[in-house]
Amino acid sequence: MTNKREKIRAQMKSRFYYMFWGAATIAVVSGQLYVGTSYRTMARSMNRWFEETIDIMQEPVKQRRDSGGYYMPVPVPENYGMTIIQ
């Protein structure tokens, strides 16, 4: 049979067991909350960045009417001249 002293010692261990797992649970939950709020903040900033980029891409490009540009205009078929197949 087990004596009373061994039972008391087992009960002392269980108190530290619950304290350890309680502290571990609090640490994990607080870490999850920290990561969740950081992810939400990052998602908001990325959405803001994407919206600004889309707005910039949708702005109409102002074309210059003068001929001071670097690119030649795209030729139309009438400007090709004489072709092989007529």
N, C-alpha and C. Protein backbone atom coordinates (compact mmCIF):
# COMPACT_ATOMS: atom_id res chain seq x y z
N MET A 1 0.83 -1.19 0.00
CA MET A 1 0.00 0.00 0.00
C MET A 1 0.87 1.24 0.00
N THR A 2 0.31 2.25 -0.54
CA THR A 2 1.05 3.51 -0.54
C THR A 2 0.78 4.23 0.75
N ASN A 3 1.79 4.91 1.20
CA ASN A 3 1.57 5.63 2.45
C ASN A 3 1.10 7.06 2.15
N LYS A 4 0.77 7.77 3.19
CA LYS A 4 0.17 9.09 3.08
C LYS A 4 1.18 10.11 2.55
N ARG A 5 2.45 9.95 2.86
CA ARG A 5 3.48 10.91 2.45
C ARG A 5 3.62 10.93 0.92
N GLU A 6 3.54 9.78 0.26
CA GLU A 6 3.64 9.73 -1.19
C GLU A 6 2.45 10.41 -1.85
N LYS A 7 1.28 10.29 -1.28
CA LYS A 7 0.10 10.95 -1.83
C LYS A 7 0.22 12.46 -1.71
N ILE A 8 0.72 12.96 -0.61
CA ILE A 8 0.88 14.40 -0.42
C ILE A 8 1.90 14.94 -1.42
N ARG A 9 2.99 14.23 -1.64
CA ARG A 9 4.01 14.68 -2.58
C ARG A 9 3.44 14.72 -4.00
N ALA A 10 2.60 13.79 -4.38
CA ALA A 10 1.99 13.77 -5.71
C ALA A 10 1.06 14.97 -5.87
N GLN A 11 0.39 15.36 -4.82
CA GLN A 11 -0.48 16.52 -4.88
C GLN A 11 0.32 17.81 -5.04
N MET A 12 1.49 17.88 -4.47
CA MET A 12 2.35 19.06 -4.61
C MET A 12 2.79 19.20 -6.07
N LYS A 13 3.06 18.10 -6.72
CA LYS A 13 3.47 18.16 -8.12
C LYS A 13 2.33 18.66 -8.99
N SER A 14 1.12 18.29 -8.71
CA SER A 14 0.00 18.67 -9.55
C SER A 14 -0.24 20.19 -9.50
N ARG A 15 0.07 20.83 -8.39
CA ARG A 15 -0.10 22.27 -8.30
C ARG A 15 0.84 22.97 -9.28
N PHE A 16 2.08 22.55 -9.36
CA PHE A 16 3.02 23.14 -10.30
C PHE A 16 2.66 22.78 -11.74
N TYR A 17 2.10 21.62 -11.92
CA TYR A 17 1.66 21.19 -13.24
C TYR A 17 0.62 22.16 -13.79
N TYR A 18 -0.38 22.48 -12.99
CA TYR A 18 -1.43 23.39 -13.44
C TYR A 18 -0.91 24.81 -13.62
N MET A 19 0.02 25.22 -12.78
CA MET A 19 0.59 26.56 -12.94
C MET A 19 1.39 26.64 -14.24
N PHE A 20 2.15 25.61 -14.55
CA PHE A 20 2.94 25.59 -15.78
C PHE A 20 2.04 25.64 -17.00
N TRP A 21 1.05 24.76 -17.06
CA TRP A 21 0.20 24.73 -18.24
C TRP A 21 -0.69 25.97 -18.34
N GLY A 22 -1.05 26.56 -17.24
CA GLY A 22 -1.80 27.82 -17.28
C GLY A 22 -0.95 28.93 -17.86
N ALA A 23 0.31 29.02 -17.43
CA ALA A 23 1.21 30.05 -17.96
C ALA A 23 1.50 29.80 -19.44
N ALA A 24 1.67 28.55 -19.80
CA ALA A 24 1.93 28.22 -21.21
C ALA A 24 0.72 28.58 -22.08
N THR A 25 -0.46 28.33 -21.59
CA THR A 25 -1.68 28.67 -22.34
C THR A 25 -1.80 30.16 -22.52
N ILE A 26 -1.54 30.92 -21.48
CA ILE A 26 -1.61 32.38 -21.57
C ILE A 26 -0.58 32.91 -22.56
N ALA A 27 0.62 32.34 -22.54
CA ALA A 27 1.67 32.78 -23.47
C ALA A 27 1.28 32.49 -24.91
N VAL A 28 0.72 31.33 -25.17
CA VAL A 28 0.34 30.97 -26.54
C VAL A 28 -0.81 31.85 -27.03
N VAL A 29 -1.81 32.06 -26.20
CA VAL A 29 -2.96 32.87 -26.60
C VAL A 29 -2.54 34.32 -26.85
N SER A 30 -1.69 34.86 -25.98
CA SER A 30 -1.24 36.24 -26.19
C SER A 30 -0.39 36.35 -27.45
N GLY A 31 0.42 35.36 -27.75
CA GLY A 31 1.19 35.35 -28.99
C GLY A 31 0.30 35.30 -30.21
N GLN A 32 -0.75 34.50 -30.15
CA GLN A 32 -1.70 34.43 -31.27
C GLN A 32 -2.40 35.77 -31.48
N LEU A 33 -2.77 36.43 -30.40
CA LEU A 33 -3.40 37.74 -30.53
C LEU A 33 -2.44 38.75 -31.14
N TYR A 34 -1.19 38.71 -30.75
CA TYR A 34 -0.19 39.63 -31.29
C TYR A 34 0.01 39.40 -32.79
N VAL A 35 0.12 38.14 -33.18
CA VAL A 35 0.31 37.83 -34.59
C VAL A 35 -0.93 38.20 -35.39
N GLY A 36 -2.11 37.95 -34.83
CA GLY A 36 -3.35 38.29 -35.53
C GLY A 36 -3.51 39.77 -35.76
N THR A 37 -3.20 40.59 -34.76
CA THR A 37 -3.32 42.03 -34.93
C THR A 37 -2.26 42.55 -35.89
N SER A 38 -1.07 41.98 -35.86
CA SER A 38 -0.03 42.40 -36.80
C SER A 38 -0.41 42.03 -38.22
N TYR A 39 -1.00 40.86 -38.42
CA TYR A 39 -1.43 40.45 -39.75
C TYR A 39 -2.52 41.37 -40.27
N ARG A 40 -3.45 41.74 -39.41
CA ARG A 40 -4.53 42.64 -39.82
C ARG A 40 -3.97 44.00 -40.22
N THR A 41 -3.01 44.51 -39.47
CA THR A 41 -2.38 45.79 -39.80
C THR A 41 -1.65 45.70 -41.13
N MET A 42 -0.94 44.61 -41.36
CA MET A 42 -0.23 44.43 -42.62
C MET A 42 -1.21 44.34 -43.78
N ALA A 43 -2.31 43.63 -43.60
CA ALA A 43 -3.30 43.49 -44.67
C ALA A 43 -3.91 44.84 -45.02
N ARG A 44 -4.19 45.66 -44.02
CA ARG A 44 -4.73 46.99 -44.29
C ARG A 44 -3.75 47.84 -45.07
N SER A 45 -2.48 47.81 -44.70
CA SER A 45 -1.50 48.62 -45.41
C SER A 45 -1.30 48.11 -46.84
N MET A 46 -1.34 46.79 -47.03
CA MET A 46 -1.21 46.25 -48.38
C MET A 46 -2.43 46.62 -49.23
N ASN A 47 -3.62 46.57 -48.65
CA ASN A 47 -4.81 46.98 -49.40
C ASN A 47 -4.72 48.44 -49.79
N ARG A 48 -4.25 49.27 -48.89
CA ARG A 48 -4.10 50.69 -49.19
C ARG A 48 -3.09 50.89 -50.32
N TRP A 49 -2.00 50.15 -50.29
CA TRP A 49 -0.97 50.25 -51.32
C TRP A 49 -1.51 49.78 -52.67
N PHE A 50 -2.26 48.65 -52.67
CA PHE A 50 -2.82 48.14 -53.91
C PHE A 50 -3.84 49.11 -54.49
N GLU A 51 -4.67 49.72 -53.65
CA GLU A 51 -5.66 50.67 -54.14
C GLU A 51 -4.98 51.87 -54.78
N GLU A 52 -3.92 52.37 -54.17
CA GLU A 52 -3.21 53.50 -54.76
C GLU A 52 -2.58 53.10 -56.10
N THR A 53 -2.03 51.90 -56.17
CA THR A 53 -1.42 51.43 -57.42
C THR A 53 -2.47 51.29 -58.51
N ILE A 54 -3.63 50.75 -58.17
CA ILE A 54 -4.70 50.58 -59.16
C ILE A 54 -5.19 51.95 -59.62
N ASP A 55 -5.33 52.90 -58.69
CA ASP A 55 -5.76 54.24 -59.07
C ASP A 55 -4.76 54.88 -60.02
N ILE A 56 -3.48 54.70 -59.77
CA ILE A 56 -2.46 55.27 -60.65
C ILE A 56 -2.53 54.60 -62.02
N MET A 57 -2.75 53.30 -62.05
CA MET A 57 -2.80 52.59 -63.33
C MET A 57 -4.04 52.97 -64.13
N GLN A 58 -5.12 53.35 -63.47
CA GLN A 58 -6.35 53.68 -64.17
C GLN A 58 -6.41 55.13 -64.62
N GLU A 59 -5.50 55.96 -64.18
CA GLU A 59 -5.50 57.35 -64.62
C GLU A 59 -5.19 57.40 -66.11
N PRO A 60 -5.92 58.23 -66.84
CA PRO A 60 -5.63 58.32 -68.28
C PRO A 60 -4.26 58.97 -68.50
N VAL A 61 -3.56 58.45 -69.47
CA VAL A 61 -2.24 58.96 -69.79
C VAL A 61 -2.43 60.20 -70.66
N LYS A 62 -1.81 61.28 -70.26
CA LYS A 62 -1.90 62.51 -71.05
C LYS A 62 -0.93 62.40 -72.21
N GLN A 63 -1.47 62.42 -73.41
CA GLN A 63 -0.62 62.31 -74.59
C GLN A 63 -0.25 63.71 -75.07
N ARG A 64 0.98 63.83 -75.44
CA ARG A 64 1.45 65.12 -75.95
C ARG A 64 1.06 65.23 -77.41
N ARG A 65 0.60 66.39 -77.78
CA ARG A 65 0.19 66.61 -79.17
C ARG A 65 1.35 67.05 -80.06
N ASP A 66 2.39 67.54 -79.45
CA ASP A 66 3.52 67.96 -80.27
C ASP A 66 4.35 66.76 -80.70
N SER A 67 5.20 66.93 -81.65
CA SER A 67 5.98 65.80 -82.17
C SER A 67 7.32 65.67 -81.47
N GLY A 68 7.42 66.12 -80.27
CA GLY A 68 8.68 66.08 -79.57
C GLY A 68 8.91 64.78 -78.82
N GLY A 69 8.10 63.75 -79.11
CA GLY A 69 8.24 62.50 -78.38
C GLY A 69 9.37 61.65 -78.91
N TYR A 70 9.62 60.56 -78.26
CA TYR A 70 10.70 59.65 -78.63
C TYR A 70 10.23 58.54 -79.56
N TYR A 71 8.93 58.31 -79.65
CA TYR A 71 8.42 57.16 -80.38
C TYR A 71 7.74 57.60 -81.66
N MET A 72 7.86 56.77 -82.67
CA MET A 72 7.18 57.04 -83.92
C MET A 72 5.74 56.57 -83.80
N PRO A 73 4.83 57.21 -84.52
CA PRO A 73 3.44 56.74 -84.48
C PRO A 73 3.31 55.38 -85.15
N VAL A 74 2.30 54.64 -84.78
CA VAL A 74 2.06 53.32 -85.35
C VAL A 74 1.53 53.51 -86.76
N PRO A 75 2.12 52.88 -87.75
CA PRO A 75 1.63 53.07 -89.12
C PRO A 75 0.33 52.33 -89.36
N VAL A 76 -0.50 52.90 -90.19
CA VAL A 76 -1.75 52.26 -90.60
C VAL A 76 -1.48 51.54 -91.92
N PRO A 77 -2.31 50.59 -92.31
CA PRO A 77 -2.04 49.83 -93.54
C PRO A 77 -1.89 50.68 -94.79
N GLU A 78 -2.54 51.85 -94.85
CA GLU A 78 -2.42 52.70 -96.04
C GLU A 78 -1.00 53.25 -96.18
N ASN A 79 -0.26 53.33 -95.12
CA ASN A 79 1.08 53.89 -95.15
C ASN A 79 2.15 52.85 -95.49
N TYR A 80 1.76 51.60 -95.67
CA TYR A 80 2.75 50.56 -95.92
C TYR A 80 3.38 50.68 -97.30
N GLY A 81 2.69 51.30 -98.22
CA GLY A 81 3.22 51.38 -99.57
C GLY A 81 2.89 50.14 -100.36
N MET A 82 3.71 49.83 -101.32
CA MET A 82 3.45 48.70 -102.19
C MET A 82 3.79 47.40 -101.46
N THR A 83 2.84 46.49 -101.42
CA THR A 83 3.05 45.20 -100.78
C THR A 83 3.24 44.13 -101.83
N ILE A 84 3.69 42.97 -101.43
CA ILE A 84 3.93 41.86 -102.37
C ILE A 84 2.60 41.30 -102.87
N ILE A 85 1.66 41.09 -101.95
CA ILE A 85 0.36 40.53 -102.33
C ILE A 85 -0.62 41.69 -102.46
N GLN A 86 -1.25 41.76 -103.64
CA GLN A 86 -2.22 42.83 -103.84
C GLN A 86 -3.58 42.27 -104.17
